[in-house]
Amino acid sequence: MVARTKKRESEDYAEAARICACFNLRKASRAVTLFFDEVLAPTSLRSTQFVALLAILLNEPISLPALAREMVLERTTLLRNLEPLVRGKLVATSRVSRSRMFRLTDKGRKAVEGAFPYWREAQERFVTRLGGTSWDRLLELLPGAVNAARST
């Protein structure tokens, strides 16, 4: 009886891993991040840094809470990720009232411009490997996944 229960439990765990949104989305996210990191390597920017710079560029000046919402990151995690970009003078900070605001410096804009062709290459290679129709469908579904997770 115990062996049957352990076997069933093991099957339950395997099924949980197979269908778990968190497990599977994080695995996919890590794989995509590693792939983009590889292609972006000549730029000295990691994919996470490129995405942060792009988010700032598209919304500047932007406060830490607004940027955290945009990137779906905890503020402390985001701040920790931004520190190397600030130290590297790619991102400048200022205070407006009680809010810490972020904007790209000229060096940051040049970094985005220099990395953009590598990002484009990574994006095109990824979409080709996945298949354009699959990417279009996934891109259509991802905002719903974000919204479903945010509504908790």
Protein backbone atom coordinates (compact mmCIF):
# COMPACT_ATOMS: atom_id res chain seq x y z
CA MET A 1 0.00 0.00 0.00
CA VAL A 2 2.82 2.43 0.88
CA ALA A 3 4.64 1.66 -2.38
CA ARG A 4 1.47 2.40 -4.34
CA THR A 5 1.02 5.69 -2.48
CA LYS A 6 4.64 6.73 -3.15
CA LYS A 7 4.28 5.83 -6.81
CA ARG A 8 1.08 7.86 -7.06
CA GLU A 9 2.73 10.73 -5.20
CA SER A 10 5.67 10.63 -7.61
CA GLU A 11 3.27 10.68 -10.56
CA ASP A 12 1.44 13.64 -9.01
CA TYR A 13 4.73 15.55 -8.64
CA ALA A 14 5.75 14.76 -12.21
CA GLU A 15 2.38 16.01 -13.45
CA ALA A 16 2.68 19.14 -11.32
CA ALA A 17 6.08 19.92 -12.86
CA ARG A 18 4.73 19.23 -16.35
CA ILE A 19 1.79 21.64 -16.04
CA CYS A 20 3.09 24.18 -13.47
CA ALA A 21 2.87 27.71 -14.88
CA CYS A 22 5.64 28.97 -12.61
CA PHE A 23 8.02 26.08 -13.30
CA ASN A 24 7.54 26.17 -17.06
CA LEU A 25 7.48 29.95 -17.55
CA ARG A 26 10.61 30.38 -15.39
CA LYS A 27 12.39 27.60 -17.30
CA ALA A 28 11.48 29.24 -20.61
CA SER A 29 12.49 32.66 -19.29
CA ARG A 30 15.90 31.40 -18.17
CA ALA A 31 16.52 29.68 -21.51
CA VAL A 32 15.57 32.80 -23.49
CA THR A 33 17.67 35.00 -21.16
CA LEU A 34 20.72 32.76 -21.63
CA PHE A 35 20.25 32.80 -25.41
CA PHE A 36 19.96 36.60 -25.55
CA ASP A 37 22.94 36.94 -23.16
CA GLU A 38 25.02 34.86 -25.58
CA VAL A 39 24.15 37.00 -28.58
CA LEU A 40 24.53 40.28 -26.62
CA ALA A 41 27.90 39.24 -25.13
CA PRO A 42 30.00 41.43 -27.49
CA THR A 43 28.16 44.52 -26.16
CA SER A 44 29.09 43.89 -22.51
CA LEU A 45 25.39 44.16 -21.65
CA ARG A 46 23.38 41.30 -20.26
CA SER A 47 19.90 40.86 -21.68
CA THR A 48 18.38 41.97 -18.37
CA GLN A 49 20.42 45.18 -18.52
CA PHE A 50 19.44 45.83 -22.13
CA VAL A 51 15.76 45.38 -21.24
CA ALA A 52 16.09 47.75 -18.27
CA LEU A 53 17.81 50.38 -20.42
CA LEU A 54 15.10 50.00 -23.06
CA ALA A 55 12.32 50.33 -20.47
CA ILE A 56 13.92 53.50 -19.10
CA LEU A 57 14.46 54.92 -22.59
CA LEU A 58 10.82 54.38 -23.53
CA ASN A 59 9.48 55.94 -20.31
CA GLU A 60 12.05 58.48 -19.16
CA PRO A 61 12.17 60.07 -16.82
CA ILE A 62 10.62 57.27 -14.80
CA SER A 63 10.32 56.68 -11.08
CA LEU A 64 11.50 53.49 -9.42
CA PRO A 65 7.94 52.31 -8.58
CA ALA A 66 6.73 52.97 -12.14
CA LEU A 67 9.75 51.18 -13.63
CA ALA A 68 9.25 48.26 -11.25
CA ARG A 69 5.61 47.98 -12.37
CA GLU A 70 6.62 48.22 -16.03
CA MET A 71 9.22 45.47 -15.64
CA VAL A 72 7.18 43.41 -13.13
CA LEU A 73 10.03 43.40 -10.59
CA GLU A 74 10.22 44.06 -6.89
CA ARG A 75 11.66 47.53 -6.27
CA THR A 76 14.60 46.18 -4.26
CA THR A 77 15.48 43.70 -7.02
CA LEU A 78 15.19 46.40 -9.66
CA LEU A 79 17.34 48.81 -7.67
CA ARG A 80 19.99 46.12 -7.24
CA ASN A 81 19.89 45.50 -11.02
CA LEU A 82 20.14 49.23 -11.79
CA GLU A 83 23.13 49.90 -9.54
CA PRO A 84 25.74 48.63 -12.05
CA LEU A 85 24.11 50.73 -14.77
CA VAL A 86 24.25 53.82 -12.57
CA ARG A 87 27.88 53.08 -11.56
CA GLY A 88 28.72 52.57 -15.24
CA LYS A 89 27.16 55.95 -15.99
CA LEU A 90 24.60 54.45 -18.36
CA VAL A 91 21.72 55.59 -16.16
CA ALA A 92 21.42 58.83 -14.21
CA THR A 93 19.23 59.36 -11.19
CA SER A 94 17.68 62.48 -9.77
CA ARG A 95 15.17 63.36 -7.11
CA VAL A 96 11.81 64.90 -7.93
CA SER A 97 10.04 65.56 -4.68
CA ARG A 98 10.40 62.27 -2.82
CA SER A 99 10.70 60.12 -5.95
CA ARG A 100 13.92 58.81 -7.37
CA MET A 101 13.80 59.27 -11.13
CA PHE A 102 15.84 57.42 -13.75
CA ARG A 103 16.91 58.44 -17.23
CA LEU A 104 19.54 57.30 -19.69
CA THR A 105 22.76 59.22 -20.05
CA ASP A 106 24.34 59.80 -23.46
CA LYS A 107 26.54 56.78 -22.70
CA GLY A 108 23.40 54.75 -21.94
CA ARG A 109 21.77 55.79 -25.22
CA LYS A 110 24.92 54.80 -27.10
CA ALA A 111 24.94 51.46 -25.28
CA VAL A 112 21.35 50.79 -26.40
CA GLU A 113 22.16 51.88 -29.96
CA GLY A 114 25.26 49.66 -30.02
CA ALA A 115 23.42 46.67 -28.57
CA PHE A 116 20.33 47.04 -30.72
CA PRO A 117 21.70 45.17 -33.78
CA TYR A 118 22.73 42.28 -31.51
CA TRP A 119 19.29 42.30 -29.89
CA ARG A 120 17.68 42.28 -33.35
CA GLU A 121 19.85 39.31 -34.34
CA ALA A 122 18.87 37.42 -31.18
CA GLN A 123 15.21 38.24 -31.69
CA GLU A 124 15.22 37.13 -35.32
CA ARG A 125 17.09 33.90 -34.53
CA PHE A 126 14.73 33.12 -31.64
CA VAL A 127 11.58 33.77 -33.66
CA THR A 128 12.93 31.70 -36.56
CA ARG A 129 13.74 28.79 -34.25
CA LEU A 130 10.36 28.96 -32.51
CA GLY A 131 8.41 29.66 -35.68
CA GLY A 132 6.79 32.97 -36.53
CA THR A 133 3.23 31.76 -35.99
CA SER A 134 4.13 30.24 -32.62
CA TRP A 135 5.84 33.49 -31.59
CA ASP A 136 2.86 35.57 -32.65
CA ARG A 137 0.56 33.34 -30.60
CA LEU A 138 2.87 33.37 -27.58
CA LEU A 139 3.23 37.15 -27.79
CA GLU A 140 -0.55 37.39 -27.88
CA LEU A 141 -0.90 35.16 -24.77
CA LEU A 142 1.86 36.59 -22.55
CA PRO A 143 0.05 39.79 -21.47
CA GLY A 144 -2.81 37.62 -20.26
CA ALA A 145 -0.36 35.56 -18.20
CA VAL A 146 1.04 38.74 -16.66
CA ASN A 147 -2.46 40.03 -15.88
CA ALA A 148 -3.57 36.70 -14.42
CA ALA A 149 -0.56 36.66 -12.10
CA ARG A 150 -1.00 40.32 -11.12
CA SER A 151 -4.60 39.86 -10.08
CA THR A 152 -3.61 37.86 -6.99
